[in-house]
N, C-alpha and C. Protein backbone atom coordinates (compact mmCIF):
# COMPACT_ATOMS: atom_id res chain seq x y z
N MET A 1 155.48 245.04 5.34
CA MET A 1 154.42 246.03 5.34
C MET A 1 153.27 245.54 4.46
N ALA A 2 152.05 245.76 4.91
CA ALA A 2 150.86 245.29 4.20
C ALA A 2 150.60 246.10 2.93
N LYS A 3 150.17 245.41 1.90
CA LYS A 3 149.78 246.08 0.66
C LYS A 3 148.43 246.77 0.87
N VAL A 4 148.11 247.67 -0.04
CA VAL A 4 146.88 248.46 0.06
C VAL A 4 146.06 248.28 -1.22
N MET A 5 144.75 248.09 -1.04
CA MET A 5 143.83 248.01 -2.16
C MET A 5 143.06 249.33 -2.24
N GLU A 6 143.20 250.00 -3.36
CA GLU A 6 142.38 251.18 -3.63
C GLU A 6 141.15 250.67 -4.36
N PHE A 7 139.98 250.86 -3.77
CA PHE A 7 138.74 250.33 -4.28
C PHE A 7 137.82 251.51 -4.60
N VAL A 8 137.54 251.71 -5.87
CA VAL A 8 136.69 252.82 -6.30
C VAL A 8 135.49 252.26 -7.06
N GLN A 9 134.31 252.59 -6.57
CA GLN A 9 133.07 252.14 -7.18
C GLN A 9 132.39 253.37 -7.78
N PHE A 10 131.92 253.26 -9.03
CA PHE A 10 131.34 254.42 -9.69
C PHE A 10 130.44 254.01 -10.85
N LYS A 11 129.67 254.97 -11.32
CA LYS A 11 128.91 254.85 -12.56
C LYS A 11 129.46 255.86 -13.54
N LEU A 12 129.27 255.59 -14.81
CA LEU A 12 129.63 256.56 -15.82
C LEU A 12 128.52 257.61 -15.93
N LYS A 13 128.90 258.79 -16.40
CA LYS A 13 127.90 259.83 -16.64
C LYS A 13 126.90 259.33 -17.69
N GLU A 14 125.68 259.78 -17.55
CA GLU A 14 124.65 259.39 -18.51
C GLU A 14 125.09 259.77 -19.92
N GLY A 15 124.98 258.83 -20.83
CA GLY A 15 125.33 259.06 -22.23
C GLY A 15 126.80 258.89 -22.56
N ALA A 16 127.64 258.60 -21.54
CA ALA A 16 129.07 258.43 -21.79
C ALA A 16 129.31 257.18 -22.63
N SER A 17 130.24 257.27 -23.54
CA SER A 17 130.61 256.14 -24.39
C SER A 17 131.54 255.21 -23.61
N VAL A 18 131.15 253.95 -23.50
CA VAL A 18 132.00 252.97 -22.82
C VAL A 18 133.32 252.80 -23.58
N THR A 19 133.25 252.78 -24.89
CA THR A 19 134.46 252.64 -25.70
C THR A 19 135.43 253.79 -25.43
N ASP A 20 134.92 255.02 -25.41
CA ASP A 20 135.77 256.18 -25.15
C ASP A 20 136.30 256.16 -23.72
N PHE A 21 135.45 255.74 -22.77
CA PHE A 21 135.89 255.61 -21.38
C PHE A 21 137.04 254.62 -21.26
N LEU A 22 136.90 253.46 -21.90
CA LEU A 22 137.96 252.45 -21.81
C LEU A 22 139.25 252.93 -22.48
N THR A 23 139.13 253.70 -23.54
CA THR A 23 140.32 254.28 -24.18
C THR A 23 141.02 255.24 -23.21
N ALA A 24 140.24 256.09 -22.55
CA ALA A 24 140.81 257.02 -21.56
C ALA A 24 141.42 256.26 -20.39
N SER A 25 140.76 255.18 -19.97
CA SER A 25 141.28 254.35 -18.88
C SER A 25 142.61 253.71 -19.27
N ASP A 26 142.68 253.19 -20.48
CA ASP A 26 143.92 252.58 -20.96
C ASP A 26 145.07 253.59 -20.96
N LYS A 27 144.79 254.80 -21.40
CA LYS A 27 145.82 255.85 -21.45
C LYS A 27 146.24 256.25 -20.03
N PHE A 28 145.27 256.41 -19.13
CA PHE A 28 145.56 256.73 -17.73
C PHE A 28 146.41 255.63 -17.11
N GLN A 29 146.08 254.40 -17.40
CA GLN A 29 146.84 253.25 -16.90
C GLN A 29 148.29 253.29 -17.40
N LYS A 30 148.44 253.39 -18.71
CA LYS A 30 149.76 253.31 -19.34
C LYS A 30 150.65 254.51 -19.01
N ASP A 31 150.07 255.69 -19.07
CA ASP A 31 150.88 256.90 -18.97
C ASP A 31 150.95 257.50 -17.57
N TYR A 32 150.08 257.04 -16.66
CA TYR A 32 150.13 257.58 -15.29
C TYR A 32 150.35 256.49 -14.25
N LEU A 33 149.36 255.60 -14.09
CA LEU A 33 149.42 254.65 -12.97
C LEU A 33 150.67 253.79 -12.97
N THR A 34 151.03 253.24 -14.12
CA THR A 34 152.19 252.34 -14.15
C THR A 34 153.50 253.05 -13.80
N LYS A 35 153.49 254.37 -13.83
CA LYS A 35 154.70 255.14 -13.51
C LYS A 35 154.72 255.62 -12.05
N CYS A 36 153.63 255.37 -11.33
CA CYS A 36 153.55 255.79 -9.93
C CYS A 36 154.36 254.85 -9.03
N LYS A 37 155.02 255.43 -8.06
CA LYS A 37 155.78 254.64 -7.09
C LYS A 37 154.83 253.72 -6.32
N GLY A 38 155.19 252.45 -6.24
CA GLY A 38 154.43 251.49 -5.46
C GLY A 38 153.28 250.83 -6.17
N TYR A 39 153.04 251.18 -7.44
CA TYR A 39 151.97 250.56 -8.20
C TYR A 39 152.28 249.08 -8.41
N ILE A 40 151.27 248.21 -8.21
CA ILE A 40 151.45 246.78 -8.43
C ILE A 40 150.56 246.29 -9.58
N THR A 41 149.24 246.46 -9.44
CA THR A 41 148.32 245.96 -10.46
C THR A 41 146.99 246.69 -10.38
N ARG A 42 146.20 246.56 -11.43
CA ARG A 42 144.89 247.22 -11.49
C ARG A 42 143.90 246.31 -12.20
N THR A 43 142.67 246.31 -11.70
CA THR A 43 141.57 245.58 -12.33
C THR A 43 140.38 246.52 -12.45
N LEU A 44 139.79 246.55 -13.62
CA LEU A 44 138.60 247.35 -13.87
C LEU A 44 137.48 246.35 -14.20
N ALA A 45 136.37 246.42 -13.44
CA ALA A 45 135.29 245.45 -13.61
C ALA A 45 133.94 246.17 -13.69
N LEU A 46 132.96 245.47 -14.26
CA LEU A 46 131.64 246.05 -14.49
C LEU A 46 130.55 245.02 -14.19
N LYS A 47 129.51 245.47 -13.49
CA LYS A 47 128.28 244.70 -13.32
C LYS A 47 127.12 245.66 -13.53
N ASP A 48 126.30 245.34 -14.51
CA ASP A 48 125.19 246.21 -14.92
C ASP A 48 125.77 247.58 -15.27
N ASP A 49 125.48 248.63 -14.49
CA ASP A 49 126.03 249.96 -14.79
C ASP A 49 127.02 250.43 -13.71
N MET A 50 127.39 249.52 -12.81
CA MET A 50 128.31 249.87 -11.71
C MET A 50 129.71 249.33 -12.03
N TRP A 51 130.68 250.24 -12.03
CA TRP A 51 132.08 249.91 -12.28
C TRP A 51 132.83 249.82 -10.96
N VAL A 52 133.87 248.99 -10.95
CA VAL A 52 134.80 248.93 -9.83
C VAL A 52 136.20 249.02 -10.42
N ASP A 53 136.98 249.93 -9.86
CA ASP A 53 138.38 250.11 -10.25
C ASP A 53 139.20 249.75 -9.02
N CYS A 54 139.97 248.68 -9.10
CA CYS A 54 140.72 248.18 -7.96
C CYS A 54 142.22 248.22 -8.28
N VAL A 55 142.96 249.01 -7.52
CA VAL A 55 144.40 249.15 -7.72
C VAL A 55 145.11 248.65 -6.46
N ILE A 56 146.13 247.85 -6.65
CA ILE A 56 146.93 247.36 -5.53
C ILE A 56 148.23 248.16 -5.49
N TRP A 57 148.54 248.64 -4.28
CA TRP A 57 149.73 249.45 -4.04
C TRP A 57 150.61 248.79 -2.99
N GLU A 58 151.89 249.12 -3.02
CA GLU A 58 152.82 248.58 -2.02
C GLU A 58 152.54 249.13 -0.62
N THR A 59 152.18 250.42 -0.52
CA THR A 59 151.96 251.04 0.79
C THR A 59 150.79 252.02 0.73
N MET A 60 150.28 252.38 1.89
CA MET A 60 149.21 253.38 1.98
C MET A 60 149.72 254.73 1.47
N ASP A 61 150.95 255.07 1.81
CA ASP A 61 151.53 256.33 1.34
C ASP A 61 151.55 256.39 -0.19
N ASN A 62 151.96 255.28 -0.82
CA ASN A 62 151.96 255.23 -2.29
C ASN A 62 150.57 255.47 -2.85
N ALA A 63 149.57 254.80 -2.28
CA ALA A 63 148.19 254.92 -2.76
C ALA A 63 147.67 256.34 -2.60
N GLN A 64 147.88 256.91 -1.43
CA GLN A 64 147.37 258.25 -1.17
C GLN A 64 148.07 259.30 -2.02
N LYS A 65 149.38 259.18 -2.17
CA LYS A 65 150.12 260.15 -2.98
C LYS A 65 149.70 260.07 -4.45
N ALA A 66 149.54 258.86 -4.96
CA ALA A 66 149.13 258.70 -6.36
C ALA A 66 147.75 259.30 -6.59
N MET A 67 146.84 259.11 -5.64
CA MET A 67 145.49 259.67 -5.78
C MET A 67 145.53 261.19 -5.73
N GLU A 68 146.28 261.74 -4.80
CA GLU A 68 146.39 263.20 -4.69
C GLU A 68 146.97 263.81 -5.96
N GLU A 69 148.04 263.21 -6.47
CA GLU A 69 148.70 263.74 -7.66
C GLU A 69 147.88 263.51 -8.93
N ALA A 70 147.05 262.48 -8.93
CA ALA A 70 146.23 262.20 -10.11
C ALA A 70 145.30 263.36 -10.43
N TYR A 71 144.77 263.98 -9.39
CA TYR A 71 143.83 265.08 -9.62
C TYR A 71 144.46 266.25 -10.36
N GLU A 72 145.78 266.33 -10.36
CA GLU A 72 146.48 267.40 -11.07
C GLU A 72 146.91 266.98 -12.47
N SER A 73 146.71 265.71 -12.81
CA SER A 73 147.16 265.19 -14.09
C SER A 73 146.09 265.33 -15.17
N PRO A 74 146.47 265.84 -16.35
CA PRO A 74 145.51 265.90 -17.46
C PRO A 74 145.00 264.51 -17.85
N LEU A 75 145.79 263.48 -17.61
CA LEU A 75 145.35 262.12 -17.92
C LEU A 75 144.17 261.72 -17.05
N PHE A 76 144.19 262.14 -15.78
CA PHE A 76 143.05 261.86 -14.91
C PHE A 76 141.86 262.73 -15.30
N THR A 77 142.13 263.96 -15.71
CA THR A 77 141.05 264.85 -16.12
C THR A 77 140.23 264.21 -17.22
N ASP A 78 140.89 263.62 -18.21
CA ASP A 78 140.20 262.94 -19.30
C ASP A 78 139.45 261.72 -18.78
N PHE A 79 140.13 260.85 -18.04
CA PHE A 79 139.52 259.66 -17.46
C PHE A 79 138.36 260.04 -16.54
N GLY A 80 138.60 260.98 -15.65
CA GLY A 80 137.61 261.40 -14.66
C GLY A 80 136.40 262.08 -15.27
N SER A 81 136.53 262.62 -16.47
CA SER A 81 135.40 263.32 -17.10
C SER A 81 134.25 262.37 -17.44
N PHE A 82 134.52 261.08 -17.44
CA PHE A 82 133.48 260.09 -17.72
C PHE A 82 132.71 259.67 -16.47
N LEU A 83 133.24 259.96 -15.28
CA LEU A 83 132.67 259.46 -14.04
C LEU A 83 131.53 260.34 -13.54
N ASP A 84 130.48 259.68 -13.06
CA ASP A 84 129.38 260.37 -12.38
C ASP A 84 129.82 260.52 -10.92
N ILE A 85 130.36 261.67 -10.58
CA ILE A 85 130.98 261.89 -9.27
C ILE A 85 130.00 261.65 -8.13
N GLU A 86 128.72 261.91 -8.33
CA GLU A 86 127.73 261.69 -7.27
C GLU A 86 127.55 260.21 -6.95
N ASN A 87 127.93 259.34 -7.86
CA ASN A 87 127.84 257.89 -7.66
C ASN A 87 129.23 257.28 -7.59
N CYS A 88 130.15 257.98 -6.96
CA CYS A 88 131.54 257.53 -6.87
C CYS A 88 131.94 257.42 -5.41
N GLU A 89 132.52 256.28 -5.05
CA GLU A 89 132.99 256.07 -3.68
C GLU A 89 134.37 255.42 -3.74
N ALA A 90 135.32 256.01 -3.02
CA ALA A 90 136.69 255.50 -3.01
C ALA A 90 137.09 255.14 -1.58
N GLN A 91 137.83 254.03 -1.48
CA GLN A 91 138.34 253.58 -0.18
C GLN A 91 139.75 253.03 -0.37
N HIS A 92 140.55 253.15 0.67
CA HIS A 92 141.85 252.49 0.72
C HIS A 92 141.79 251.46 1.84
N LEU A 93 141.98 250.21 1.47
CA LEU A 93 141.86 249.10 2.41
C LEU A 93 143.20 248.39 2.56
N VAL A 94 143.53 248.00 3.77
CA VAL A 94 144.77 247.26 4.01
C VAL A 94 144.51 245.79 3.70
N VAL A 95 145.29 245.23 2.80
CA VAL A 95 145.14 243.83 2.41
C VAL A 95 145.57 242.93 3.57
N GLN A 96 144.71 242.01 3.92
CA GLN A 96 145.00 241.07 5.00
C GLN A 96 145.52 239.74 4.48
N ARG A 97 145.00 239.30 3.37
CA ARG A 97 145.43 238.04 2.76
C ARG A 97 145.27 238.14 1.25
N THR A 98 146.17 237.52 0.53
CA THR A 98 146.04 237.33 -0.91
C THR A 98 146.19 235.84 -1.16
N TYR A 99 145.23 235.28 -1.84
CA TYR A 99 145.25 233.83 -2.09
C TYR A 99 145.47 233.54 -3.54
């Protein structure tokens, strides 16, 4: 079965502290994502003011369930409070090749 890439592109809210955002991201990673079924790896990247959060999952079901359940988690509430939702786009892509 093909792996799935969760690709989320976003900006932080105006005035948000990058240090505080990264602290919230670290906590979300450690206490939520790594405990989700099918989680493989995550990369957080930045260019100028645009962030990309890329998570690799074993299956589409794993990716979708983790995203749905995240919205109910206080850990996501803290992490998500830094995101400018109007500049946020999420996609789930089926991985075709990994090199």
